[in-house]
Amino acid sequence: MAPVIPSCRHIARDDRVPSVSASAIVGGAGSGYHVLRIRDYSSIKVAFPNGSHFDSHPFRVAGRTWVIRYYPNGDRPETADHISLYLRFKGQVGPGEEVMAQYVFSFIDQMEMQKPAFVGNLEARRFGTNGSWGYKEFIKKESLEQSNRLKDDCFSIRCDIIIAGLRRAEAVAAFVVAVPPLELPQHFGALLLAGKGADVRFLVGGKTFAAHWCVLAARSPVFDALLFGPMKEGTSTENCIRIDDMAAQVFQTLLHFIYTDSLPETIEQDNGGATMAHHLLEAADRYDLQRLKLICEDRLCQQIDVSTVGITLALAEQHRC
């Protein structure tokens, strides 16, 4: 039987305390603190894998709403042996505006860190709409588990905040030169279509594609190895490389992305292109194109349903998504 994962409402409880102002709130300034109490620490650690998180109940300081975001097993693979902790602003600010705030996380016994004088000496951070700051390695799980701060499988974290106010970006009157949009992708796309100066050809699905080694090598470590290293793929003759296990349309789209850093408009407008996204994900992983890989992952996540969940999970496991 699969383990029952309790809801966040039961496994994490907040001791809500009113914002304690060190001074009158003037112009958006003020201070306060919030206590996040983690109960059933061991169960939470099992229930939430690396990269998973939950938020505290929202609390208000100086009239603005915040949450504490808690990652029981770290927020990324390289911090899997740590607890990650972030202060997240849950409000909205206008264009060019940011909330300036100083903050510190501490365990309940660290009284010195909770004094306004200590917090006030910290660097003020800029929080935009839904912005967050914090610590990817707040504490090593092993250190917490061996300390006296974890009692009866529970511990508490306090977040002290001083709000300095709202920062507005002021417009500066100046002579403005109209700069045209970025043209590099357009020019490289035209270079690919024209085939001018091409020095390598690919035979894929019965179709020949002309390309430029220097562009391929600059964009893909795998193509770089094909050009400058002993690595070989498929069979090649006279600067022509044959790729047998890829469709021509997929390779054409791959080349378009390499030259322009974007997908063709026909692909972007294809809302049901899950099959193409599957193939492109495989190609991106094969040629180590990380940005294309993330684009494909995002598209597959948006289109996942009963008919695609099986193959999507298999691809995710195969390509470590």
C-alpha atoms as a PDB file:
ATOM      1  CA  MET A   1       0.000   0.000   0.000  1.00  0.00           C
ATOM      2  CA  ALA A   2       1.335   3.440  -0.908  1.00  0.00           C
ATOM      3  CA  PRO A   3       2.191   5.642   2.077  1.00  0.00           C
ATOM      4  CA  VAL A   4      -0.418   8.191   3.051  1.00  0.00           C
ATOM      5  CA  ILE A   5       0.983  11.714   2.723  1.00  0.00           C
ATOM      6  CA  PRO A   6      -0.652  14.068   5.204  1.00  0.00           C
ATOM      7  CA  SER A   7      -1.686  17.475   3.956  1.00  0.00           C
ATOM      8  CA  CYS A   8       0.528  20.466   4.625  1.00  0.00           C
ATOM      9  CA  ARG A   9      -2.167  21.871   6.867  1.00  0.00           C
ATOM     10  CA  HIS A  10      -1.565  19.011   9.310  1.00  0.00           C
ATOM     11  CA  ILE A  11       2.149  18.435   9.019  1.00  0.00           C
ATOM     12  CA  ALA A  12       3.197  22.067   9.286  1.00  0.00           C
ATOM     13  CA  ARG A  13       1.588  24.519  11.665  1.00  0.00           C
ATOM     14  CA  ASP A  14       2.281  28.244  11.951  1.00  0.00           C
ATOM     15  CA  ASP A  15       2.189  30.094  15.246  1.00  0.00           C
ATOM     16  CA  ARG A  16       0.593  33.250  13.950  1.00  0.00           C
ATOM     17  CA  VAL A  17       1.708  36.303  15.880  1.00  0.00           C
ATOM     18  CA  PRO A  18       0.768  39.905  15.167  1.00  0.00           C
ATOM     19  CA  SER A  19       3.353  42.005  13.352  1.00  0.00           C
ATOM     20  CA  VAL A  20       5.424  43.602  16.080  1.00  0.00           C
ATOM     21  CA  SER A  21       6.387  47.070  14.885  1.00  0.00           C
ATOM     22  CA  ALA A  22       9.644  48.449  16.187  1.00  0.00           C
ATOM     23  CA  SER A  23       8.428  51.906  15.166  1.00  0.00           C
ATOM     24  CA  ALA A  24       5.412  53.528  13.599  1.00  0.00           C
ATOM     25  CA  ILE A  25       4.758  52.405  10.038  1.00  0.00           C
ATOM     26  CA  VAL A  26       5.575  55.444   7.923  1.00  0.00           C
ATOM     27  CA  GLY A  27       5.764  55.397   4.129  1.00  0.00           C
ATOM     28  CA  GLY A  28       5.453  51.631   4.042  1.00  0.00           C
ATOM     29  CA  ALA A  29       8.195  51.028   6.625  1.00  0.00           C
ATOM     30  CA  GLY A  30       7.746  48.626   9.538  1.00  0.00           C
ATOM     31  CA  SER A  31       8.952  45.365  11.067  1.00  0.00           C
ATOM     32  CA  GLY A  32       7.616  42.058  12.257  1.00  0.00           C
ATOM     33  CA  TYR A  33       8.323  38.359  12.551  1.00  0.00           C
ATOM     34  CA  HIS A  34       6.685  35.024  11.853  1.00  0.00           C
ATOM     35  CA  VAL A  35       7.269  31.585  13.369  1.00  0.00           C
ATOM     36  CA  LEU A  36       7.035  28.455  11.243  1.00  0.00           C
ATOM     37  CA  ARG A  37       6.699  25.304  13.342  1.00  0.00           C
ATOM     38  CA  ILE A  38       7.570  22.032  11.576  1.00  0.00           C
ATOM     39  CA  ARG A  39       5.947  18.992  13.151  1.00  0.00           C
ATOM     40  CA  ASP A  40       6.545  15.369  12.091  1.00  0.00           C
ATOM     41  CA  TYR A  41       9.873  16.346  10.536  1.00  0.00           C
ATOM     42  CA  SER A  42      10.701  12.744   9.571  1.00  0.00           C
ATOM     43  CA  SER A  43       7.373  12.170   7.807  1.00  0.00           C
ATOM     44  CA  ILE A  44       7.692  15.421   5.882  1.00  0.00           C
ATOM     45  CA  LYS A  45      11.196  14.496   4.757  1.00  0.00           C
ATOM     46  CA  VAL A  46       9.865  11.249   3.276  1.00  0.00           C
ATOM     47  CA  ALA A  47       6.745  12.799   1.728  1.00  0.00           C
ATOM     48  CA  PHE A  48       8.463  15.699  -0.065  1.00  0.00           C
ATOM     49  CA  PRO A  49      11.292  14.693  -2.457  1.00  0.00           C
ATOM     50  CA  ASN A  50      14.113  16.963  -3.565  1.00  0.00           C
ATOM     51  CA  GLY A  51      12.737  20.064  -5.287  1.00  0.00           C
ATOM     52  CA  SER A  52       9.299  19.830  -3.625  1.00  0.00           C
ATOM     53  CA  HIS A  53       8.129  22.499  -1.195  1.00  0.00           C
ATOM     54  CA  PHE A  54       5.220  23.845   0.786  1.00  0.00           C
ATOM     55  CA  ASP A  55       4.443  27.378   1.915  1.00  0.00           C
ATOM     56  CA  SER A  56       3.532  28.621   5.357  1.00  0.00           C
ATOM     57  CA  HIS A  57       0.198  30.299   5.905  1.00  0.00           C
ATOM     58  CA  PRO A  58       0.375  33.879   4.586  1.00  0.00           C
ATOM     59  CA  PHE A  59       1.291  36.521   7.173  1.00  0.00           C
ATOM     60  CA  ARG A  60       1.451  40.304   7.005  1.00  0.00           C
ATOM     61  CA  VAL A  61       4.269  42.684   7.893  1.00  0.00           C
ATOM     62  CA  ALA A  62       3.928  46.432   7.297  1.00  0.00           C
ATOM     63  CA  GLY A  63       0.707  45.850   5.398  1.00  0.00           C
ATOM     64  CA  ARG A  64       2.285  43.419   2.926  1.00  0.00           C
ATOM     65  CA  THR A  65       1.715  39.677   2.595  1.00  0.00           C
ATOM     66  CA  TRP A  66       4.544  37.120   2.847  1.00  0.00           C
ATOM     67  CA  VAL A  67       5.050  33.366   3.149  1.00  0.00           C
ATOM     68  CA  ILE A  68       7.964  31.170   4.170  1.00  0.00           C
ATOM     69  CA  ARG A  69       8.758  28.550   1.511  1.00  0.00           C
ATOM     70  CA  TYR A  70      10.206  25.326   2.978  1.00  0.00           C
ATOM     71  CA  TYR A  71      12.059  22.644   0.970  1.00  0.00           C
ATOM     72  CA  PRO A  72      12.530  19.607   3.285  1.00  0.00           C
ATOM     73  CA  ASN A  73      15.089  17.988   0.937  1.00  0.00           C
ATOM     74  CA  GLY A  74      16.619  20.998  -0.789  1.00  0.00           C
ATOM     75  CA  ASP A  75      15.408  22.958  -3.795  1.00  0.00           C
ATOM     76  CA  ARG A  76      17.807  21.443  -6.348  1.00  0.00           C
ATOM     77  CA  PRO A  77      19.824  18.225  -6.812  1.00  0.00           C
ATOM     78  CA  GLU A  78      23.061  19.704  -5.466  1.00  0.00           C
ATOM     79  CA  THR A  79      21.381  20.711  -2.180  1.00  0.00           C
ATOM     80  CA  ALA A  80      19.559  17.423  -1.554  1.00  0.00           C
ATOM     81  CA  ASP A  81      21.324  16.960   1.805  1.00  0.00           C
ATOM     82  CA  HIS A  82      20.177  20.379   3.057  1.00  0.00           C
ATOM     83  CA  ILE A  83      16.970  22.181   3.982  1.00  0.00           C
ATOM     84  CA  SER A  84      16.291  25.148   1.679  1.00  0.00           C
ATOM     85  CA  LEU A  85      14.355  28.118   3.048  1.00  0.00           C
ATOM     86  CA  TYR A  86      13.036  31.251   1.342  1.00  0.00           C
ATOM     87  CA  LEU A  87      11.035  34.362   2.206  1.00  0.00           C
ATOM     88  CA  ARG A  88       8.525  34.970  -0.588  1.00  0.00           C
ATOM     89  CA  PHE A  89       6.613  38.193  -1.227  1.00  0.00           C
ATOM     90  CA  LYS A  90       3.006  37.365  -2.130  1.00  0.00           C
ATOM     91  CA  GLY A  91       1.846  40.839  -3.083  1.00  0.00           C
ATOM     92  CA  GLN A  92       2.031  42.905  -6.215  1.00  0.00           C
ATOM     93  CA  VAL A  93       3.874  46.123  -6.938  1.00  0.00           C
ATOM     94  CA  GLY A  94       3.617  48.469  -9.862  1.00  0.00           C
ATOM     95  CA  PRO A  95       5.947  48.581 -12.884  1.00  0.00           C
ATOM     96  CA  GLY A  96       9.434  49.643 -11.839  1.00  0.00           C
ATOM     97  CA  GLU A  97       8.623  49.229  -8.131  1.00  0.00           C
ATOM     98  CA  GLU A  98      10.228  46.907  -5.565  1.00  0.00           C
ATOM     99  CA  VAL A  99       9.735  46.320  -1.842  1.00  0.00           C
ATOM    100  CA  MET A 100      13.005  46.829   0.044  1.00  0.00           C
ATOM    101  CA  ALA A 101      13.298  44.423   2.984  1.00  0.00           C
ATOM    102  CA  GLN A 102      15.911  43.078   5.388  1.00  0.00           C
ATOM    103  CA  TYR A 103      15.297  39.619   6.794  1.00  0.00           C
ATOM    104  CA  VAL A 104      16.903  36.786   8.721  1.00  0.00           C
ATOM    105  CA  PHE A 105      15.910  33.194   9.472  1.00  0.00           C
ATOM    106  CA  SER A 106      16.857  31.796  12.868  1.00  0.00           C
ATOM    107  CA  PHE A 107      16.049  28.974  15.216  1.00  0.00           C
ATOM    108  CA  ILE A 108      14.036  29.980  18.257  1.00  0.00           C
ATOM    109  CA  ASP A 109      17.114  29.801  20.528  1.00  0.00           C
ATOM    110  CA  GLN A 110      19.149  32.258  18.402  1.00  0.00           C
ATOM    111  CA  MET A 111      17.936  35.373  20.224  1.00  0.00           C
ATOM    112  CA  GLU A 112      20.807  37.594  19.053  1.00  0.00           C
ATOM    113  CA  MET A 113      19.796  37.197  15.407  1.00  0.00           C
ATOM    114  CA  GLN A 114      16.241  38.290  16.223  1.00  0.00           C
ATOM    115  CA  LYS A 115      17.167  41.725  17.576  1.00  0.00           C
ATOM    116  CA  PRO A 116      16.218  44.684  15.337  1.00  0.00           C
ATOM    117  CA  ALA A 117      19.782  46.005  15.525  1.00  0.00           C
ATOM    118  CA  PHE A 118      21.089  42.749  14.032  1.00  0.00           C
ATOM    119  CA  VAL A 119      18.468  42.550  11.273  1.00  0.00           C
ATOM    120  CA  GLY A 120      18.910  46.243  10.470  1.00  0.00           C
ATOM    121  CA  ASN A 121      22.600  45.694   9.701  1.00  0.00           C
ATOM    122  CA  LEU A 122      21.797  43.148   6.991  1.00  0.00           C
ATOM    123  CA  GLU A 123      21.707  44.073   3.312  1.00  0.00           C
ATOM    124  CA  ALA A 124      18.261  45.121   2.101  1.00  0.00           C
ATOM    125  CA  ARG A 125      16.905  42.902  -0.671  1.00  0.00           C
ATOM    126  CA  ARG A 126      14.612  43.921  -3.492  1.00  0.00           C
ATOM    127  CA  PHE A 127      11.358  41.977  -3.735  1.00  0.00           C
ATOM    128  CA  GLY A 128       9.321  42.361  -6.904  1.00  0.00           C
ATOM    129  CA  THR A 129       5.907  40.791  -7.509  1.00  0.00           C
ATOM    130  CA  ASN A 130       6.101  37.206  -6.157  1.00  0.00           C
ATOM    131  CA  GLY A 131       9.836  37.669  -5.597  1.00  0.00           C
ATOM    132  CA  SER A 132      11.799  35.583  -3.104  1.00  0.00           C
ATOM    133  CA  TRP A 133      15.145  35.555  -1.288  1.00  0.00           C
ATOM    134  CA  GLY A 134      16.579  32.956   1.011  1.00  0.00           C
ATOM    135  CA  TYR A 135      19.066  30.154   1.520  1.00  0.00           C
ATOM    136  CA  LYS A 136      19.467  27.106  -0.695  1.00  0.00           C
ATOM    137  CA  GLU A 137      21.608  25.535   2.068  1.00  0.00           C
ATOM    138  CA  PHE A 138      19.951  26.818   5.251  1.00  0.00           C
ATOM    139  CA  ILE A 139      21.110  23.851   7.336  1.00  0.00           C
ATOM    140  CA  LYS A 140      22.363  20.373   6.625  1.00  0.00           C
ATOM    141  CA  LYS A 141      19.710  17.806   7.512  1.00  0.00           C
ATOM    142  CA  GLU A 142      22.249  15.652   9.323  1.00  0.00           C
ATOM    143  CA  SER A 143      23.338  18.622  11.461  1.00  0.00           C
ATOM    144  CA  LEU A 144      19.743  19.415  12.413  1.00  0.00           C
ATOM    145  CA  GLU A 145      18.986  15.790  13.237  1.00  0.00           C
ATOM    146  CA  GLN A 146      22.024  15.561  15.530  1.00  0.00           C
ATOM    147  CA  SER A 147      21.282  18.851  17.299  1.00  0.00           C
ATOM    148  CA  ASN A 148      19.049  19.607  20.278  1.00  0.00           C
ATOM    149  CA  ARG A 149      16.923  21.901  18.087  1.00  0.00           C
ATOM    150  CA  LEU A 150      14.976  18.894  16.801  1.00  0.00           C
ATOM    151  CA  LYS A 151      12.842  17.790  19.738  1.00  0.00           C
ATOM    152  CA  ASP A 152      10.092  15.180  19.512  1.00  0.00           C
ATOM    153  CA  ASP A 153      10.504  15.317  15.715  1.00  0.00           C
ATOM    154  CA  CYS A 154       9.619  19.046  15.731  1.00  0.00           C
ATOM    155  CA  PHE A 155      11.488  22.330  15.359  1.00  0.00           C
ATOM    156  CA  SER A 156      10.609  25.999  14.851  1.00  0.00           C
ATOM    157  CA  ILE A 157      12.071  28.661  12.585  1.00  0.00           C
ATOM    158  CA  ARG A 158      11.554  32.371  13.082  1.00  0.00           C
ATOM    159  CA  CYS A 159      11.739  34.904  10.242  1.00  0.00           C
ATOM    160  CA  ASP A 160      12.364  38.524  11.269  1.00  0.00           C
ATOM    161  CA  ILE A 161      11.660  41.206   8.668  1.00  0.00           C
ATOM    162  CA  ILE A 162      12.274  44.940   8.488  1.00  0.00           C
ATOM    163  CA  ILE A 163      10.508  46.683   5.612  1.00  0.00           C
ATOM    164  CA  ALA A 164      12.460  49.741   4.491  1.00  0.00           C
ATOM    165  CA  GLY A 165       9.767  50.884   2.076  1.00  0.00           C
ATOM    166  CA  LEU A 166       8.944  50.893  -1.611  1.00  0.00           C
ATOM    167  CA  ARG A 167      11.636  51.573  -4.165  1.00  0.00           C
ATOM    168  CA  ARG A 168      10.538  53.215  -7.373  1.00  0.00           C
ATOM    169  CA  ALA A 169      12.621  53.421 -10.509  1.00  0.00           C
ATOM    170  CA  GLU A 170      12.564  57.058 -11.581  1.00  0.00           C
ATOM    171  CA  ALA A 171      12.465  57.873 -15.260  1.00  0.00           C
ATOM    172  CA  VAL A 172      15.411  60.015 -16.358  1.00  0.00           C
ATOM    173  CA  ALA A 173      14.856  62.449 -19.169  1.00  0.00           C
ATOM    174  CA  ALA A 174      17.470  61.812 -21.805  1.00  0.00           C
ATOM    175  CA  PHE A 175      18.029  61.775 -25.498  1.00  0.00           C
ATOM    176  CA  VAL A 176      16.837  58.349 -26.609  1.00  0.00           C
ATOM    177  CA  VAL A 177      18.092  56.528 -29.679  1.00  0.00           C
ATOM    178  CA  ALA A 178      15.623  54.017 -31.095  1.00  0.00           C
ATOM    179  CA  VAL A 179      17.463  50.688 -31.229  1.00  0.00           C
ATOM    180  CA  PRO A 180      15.974  48.099 -33.601  1.00  0.00           C
ATOM    181  CA  PRO A 181      15.075  44.620 -32.311  1.00  0.00           C
ATOM    182  CA  LEU A 182      17.729  41.926 -32.065  1.00  0.00           C
ATOM    183  CA  GLU A 183      18.611  40.822 -35.608  1.00  0.00           C
ATOM    184  CA  LEU A 184      21.130  38.053 -34.962  1.00  0.00           C
ATOM    185  CA  PRO A 185      18.600  35.152 -34.935  1.00  0.00           C
ATOM    186  CA  GLN A 186      17.019  36.451 -38.147  1.00  0.00           C
ATOM    187  CA  HIS A 187      20.388  36.710 -39.900  1.00  0.00           C
ATOM    188  CA  PHE A 188      21.537  33.257 -38.787  1.00  0.00           C
ATOM    189  CA  GLY A 189      18.183  31.786 -39.817  1.00  0.00           C
ATOM    190  CA  ALA A 190      18.655  33.273 -43.289  1.00  0.00           C
ATOM    191  CA  LEU A 191      22.182  31.840 -43.385  1.00  0.00           C
ATOM    192  CA  LEU A 192      20.804  28.360 -42.679  1.00  0.00           C
ATOM    193  CA  LEU A 193      18.126  28.649 -45.374  1.00  0.00           C
ATOM    194  CA  ALA A 194      20.551  29.979 -48.006  1.00  0.00           C
ATOM    195  CA  GLY A 195      23.266  27.451 -47.199  1.00  0.00           C
ATOM    196  CA  LYS A 196      25.924  30.048 -48.046  1.00  0.00           C
ATOM    197  CA  GLY A 197      29.381  28.890 -46.987  1.00  0.00           C
ATOM    198  CA  ALA A 198      28.058  25.552 -45.697  1.00  0.00           C
ATOM    199  CA  ASP A 199      30.854  23.073 -45.044  1.00  0.00           C
ATOM    200  CA  VAL A 200      28.996  19.998 -43.819  1.00  0.00           C
ATOM    201  CA  ARG A 201      25.961  18.059 -44.977  1.00  0.00           C
ATOM    202  CA  PHE A 202      23.626  15.739 -43.090  1.00  0.00           C
ATOM    203  CA  LEU A 203      21.547  12.986 -44.645  1.00  0.00           C
ATOM    204  CA  VAL A 204      18.470  12.456 -42.474  1.00  0.00           C
ATOM    205  CA  GLY A 205      15.361  10.553 -43.506  1.00  0.00           C
ATOM    206  CA  GLY A 206      16.341  10.704 -47.170  1.00  0.00           C
ATOM    207  CA  LYS A 207      16.752  14.494 -47.077  1.00  0.00           C
ATOM    208  CA  THR A 208      20.045  16.414 -47.200  1.00  0.00           C
ATOM    209  CA  PHE A 209      20.676  19.425 -44.952  1.00  0.00           C
ATOM    210  CA  ALA A 210      23.555  21.879 -45.384  1.00  0.00           C
ATOM    211  CA  ALA A 211      25.029  23.502 -42.293  1.00  0.00           C
ATOM    212  CA  HIS A 212      28.100  25.243 -40.884  1.00  0.00           C
ATOM    213  CA  TRP A 213      30.464  23.378 -38.590  1.00  0.00           C
ATOM    214  CA  CYS A 214      31.466  26.495 -36.630  1.00  0.00           C
ATOM    215  CA  VAL A 215      27.833  27.291 -35.738  1.00  0.00           C
ATOM    216  CA  LEU A 216      27.052  23.695 -34.752  1.00  0.00           C
ATOM    217  CA  ALA A 217      30.220  23.379 -32.667  1.00  0.00           C
ATOM    218  CA  ALA A 218      29.580  26.678 -30.870  1.00  0.00           C
ATOM    219  CA  ARG A 219      26.034  25.666 -29.920  1.00  0.00           C
ATOM    220  CA  SER A 220      26.388  21.966 -29.094  1.00  0.00           C
ATOM    221  CA  PRO A 221      29.197  20.170 -27.214  1.00  0.00           C
ATOM    222  CA  VAL A 222      28.261  16.996 -29.094  1.00  0.00           C
ATOM    223  CA  PHE A 223      28.676  18.608 -32.511  1.00  0.00           C
ATOM    224  CA  ASP A 224      31.903  20.148 -31.220  1.00  0.00           C
ATOM    225  CA  ALA A 225      33.184  16.640 -30.447  1.00  0.00           C
ATOM    226  CA  LEU A 226      32.123  15.470 -33.907  1.00  0.00           C
ATOM    227  CA  LEU A 227      34.172  18.248 -35.478  1.00  0.00           C
ATOM    228  CA  PHE A 228      37.262  18.384 -33.315  1.00  0.00           C
ATOM    229  CA  GLY A 229      37.341  15.007 -31.582  1.00  0.00           C
ATOM    230  CA  PRO A 230      37.439  11.333 -32.505  1.00  0.00           C
ATOM    231  CA  MET A 231      33.681  10.936 -31.920  1.00  0.00           C
ATOM    232  CA  LYS A 232      31.723   9.708 -34.941  1.00  0.00           C
ATOM    233  CA  GLU A 233      27.996   9.226 -35.458  1.00  0.00           C
ATOM    234  CA  GLY A 234      26.240   7.135 -38.089  1.00  0.00           C
ATOM    235  CA  THR A 235      28.292   6.780 -41.253  1.00  0.00           C
ATOM    236  CA  SER A 236      30.004   9.689 -42.996  1.00  0.00           C
ATOM    237  CA  THR A 237      31.517  10.250 -46.416  1.00  0.00           C
ATOM    238  CA  GLU A 238      33.050  13.462 -47.787  1.00  0.00           C
ATOM    239  CA  ASN A 239      31.756  15.765 -45.018  1.00  0.00           C
ATOM    240  CA  CYS A 240      28.311  14.167 -45.174  1.00  0.00           C
ATOM    241  CA  ILE A 241      27.008  12.626 -41.968  1.00  0.00           C
ATOM    242  CA  ARG A 242      24.136  10.190 -42.125  1.00  0.00           C
ATOM    243  CA  ILE A 243      21.761  10.003 -39.169  1.00  0.00           C
ATOM    244  CA  ASP A 244      19.488   6.990 -39.394  1.00  0.00           C
ATOM    245  CA  ASP A 245      17.367   7.221 -36.246  1.00  0.00           C
ATOM    246  CA  MET A 246      15.764  10.650 -36.583  1.00  0.00           C
ATOM    247  CA  ALA A 247      12.978  12.060 -38.756  1.00  0.00           C
ATOM    248  CA  ALA A 248      13.888  14.758 -41.273  1.00  0.00           C
ATOM    249  CA  GLN A 249      11.374  17.236 -39.820  1.00  0.00           C
ATOM    250  CA  VAL A 250      12.799  16.788 -36.317  1.00  0.00           C
ATOM    251  CA  PHE A 251      16.353  17.416 -37.533  1.00  0.00           C
ATOM    252  CA  GLN A 252      15.211  20.433 -39.542  1.00  0.00           C
ATOM    253  CA  THR A 253      13.582  21.884 -36.419  1.00  0.00           C
ATOM    254  CA  LEU A 254      16.722  21.092 -34.411  1.00  0.00           C
ATOM    255  CA  LEU A 255      18.878  23.019 -36.900  1.00  0.00           C
ATOM    256  CA  HIS A 256      16.458  25.947 -36.845  1.00  0.00           C
ATOM    257  CA  PHE A 257      16.778  26.135 -33.051  1.00  0.00           C
ATOM    258  CA  ILE A 258      20.583  25.892 -33.183  1.00  0.00           C
ATOM    259  CA  TYR A 259      20.767  28.845 -35.585  1.00  0.00           C
ATOM    260  CA  THR A 260      18.000  31.059 -34.151  1.00  0.00           C
ATOM    261  CA  ASP A 261      17.571  29.932 -30.507  1.00  0.00           C
ATOM    262  CA  SER A 262      13.843  29.597 -31.159  1.00  0.00           C
ATOM    263  CA  LEU A 263      11.347  27.134 -32.604  1.00  0.00           C
ATOM    264  CA  PRO A 264       9.733  27.674 -36.026  1.00  0.00           C
ATOM    265  CA  GLU A 265       6.404  29.529 -35.931  1.00  0.00           C
ATOM    266  CA  THR A 266       4.592  26.446 -37.231  1.00  0.00           C
ATOM    267  CA  ILE A 267       5.810  24.493 -34.195  1.00  0.00           C
ATOM    268  CA  GLU A 268       5.036  27.330 -31.738  1.00  0.00           C
ATOM    269  CA  GLN A 269       1.454  27.543 -33.031  1.00  0.00           C
ATOM    270  CA  ASP A 270       0.876  23.781 -32.911  1.00  0.00           C
ATOM    271  CA  ASN A 271      -0.939  23.389 -29.594  1.00  0.00           C
ATOM    272  CA  GLY A 272      -1.245  19.657 -30.048  1.00  0.00           C
ATOM    273  CA  GLY A 273       2.376  19.004 -30.964  1.00  0.00           C
ATOM    274  CA  ALA A 274       3.105  16.554 -28.156  1.00  0.00           C
ATOM    275  CA  THR A 275       4.632  14.030 -30.572  1.00  0.00           C
ATOM    276  CA  MET A 276       7.056  16.600 -31.995  1.00  0.00           C
ATOM    277  CA  ALA A 277       7.915  17.712 -28.460  1.00  0.00           C
ATOM    278  CA  HIS A 278       8.753  14.089 -27.563  1.00  0.00           C
ATOM    279  CA  HIS A 279      11.093  13.753 -30.551  1.00  0.00           C
ATOM    280  CA  LEU A 280      12.675  17.164 -29.976  1.00  0.00           C
ATOM    281  CA  LEU A 281      13.295  16.311 -26.320  1.00  0.00           C
ATOM    282  CA  GLU A 282      15.213  13.211 -27.389  1.00  0.00           C
ATOM    283  CA  ALA A 283      17.204  15.235 -29.945  1.00  0.00           C
ATOM    284  CA  ALA A 284      17.940  18.006 -27.427  1.00  0.00           C
ATOM    285  CA  ASP A 285      19.201  15.479 -24.888  1.00  0.00           C
ATOM    286  CA  ARG A 286      21.266  13.713 -27.538  1.00  0.00           C
ATOM    287  CA  TYR A 287      23.021  16.909 -28.662  1.00  0.00           C
ATOM    288  CA  ASP A 288      23.154  18.513 -25.199  1.00  0.00           C
ATOM    289  CA  LEU A 289      20.955  21.527 -25.987  1.00  0.00           C
ATOM    290  CA  GLN A 290      19.762  22.348 -22.487  1.00  0.00           C
ATOM    291  CA  ARG A 291      17.515  25.290 -23.353  1.00  0.00           C
ATOM    292  CA  LEU A 292      15.665  23.321 -26.020  1.00  0.00           C
ATOM    293  CA  LYS A 293      15.322  20.466 -23.557  1.00  0.00           C
ATOM    294  CA  LEU A 294      13.642  22.753 -21.011  1.00  0.00           C
ATOM    295  CA  ILE A 295      11.310  24.178 -23.668  1.00  0.00           C
ATOM    296  CA  CYS A 296      10.211  20.654 -24.620  1.00  0.00           C
ATOM    297  CA  GLU A 297       9.748  19.664 -20.969  1.00  0.00           C
ATOM    298  CA  ASP A 298       7.545  22.712 -20.400  1.00  0.00           C
ATOM    299  CA  ARG A 299       5.430  21.965 -23.476  1.00  0.00           C
ATOM    300  CA  LEU A 300       4.974  18.316 -22.467  1.00  0.00           C
ATOM    301  CA  CYS A 301       3.941  19.333 -18.947  1.00  0.00           C
ATOM    302  CA  GLN A 302       1.269  21.628 -20.395  1.00  0.00           C
ATOM    303  CA  GLN A 303      -0.093  18.915 -22.706  1.00  0.00           C
ATOM    304  CA  ILE A 304       0.007  15.898 -20.403  1.00  0.00           C
ATOM    305  CA  ASP A 305      -3.204  13.851 -20.316  1.00  0.00           C
ATOM    306  CA  VAL A 306      -4.310  10.224 -20.095  1.00  0.00           C
ATOM    307  CA  SER A 307      -3.151   9.485 -23.641  1.00  0.00           C
ATOM    308  CA  THR A 308       0.360  10.923 -23.170  1.00  0.00           C
ATOM    309  CA  VAL A 309       1.187  10.326 -19.504  1.00  0.00           C
ATOM    310  CA  GLY A 310       2.799   6.907 -20.079  1.00  0.00           C
ATOM    311  CA  ILE A 311       5.260   7.939 -22.771  1.00  0.00           C
ATOM    312  CA  THR A 312       5.934  11.263 -21.025  1.00  0.00           C
ATOM    313  CA  LEU A 313       6.920   9.527 -17.782  1.00  0.00           C
ATOM    314  CA  ALA A 314       9.128   7.106 -19.720  1.00  0.00           C
ATOM    315  CA  LEU A 315      10.859  10.007 -21.483  1.00  0.00           C
ATOM    316  CA  ALA A 316      11.299  11.876 -18.209  1.00  0.00           C
ATOM    317  CA  GLU A 317      13.031   8.868 -16.650  1.00  0.00           C
ATOM    318  CA  GLN A 318      15.144   8.213 -19.749  1.00  0.00           C
ATOM    319  CA  HIS A 319      16.333  11.808 -20.103  1.00  0.00           C
ATOM    320  CA  ARG A 320      16.488  12.677 -16.395  1.00  0.00           C
ATOM    321  CA  CYS A 321      13.875  15.436 -16.632  1.00  0.00           C
END
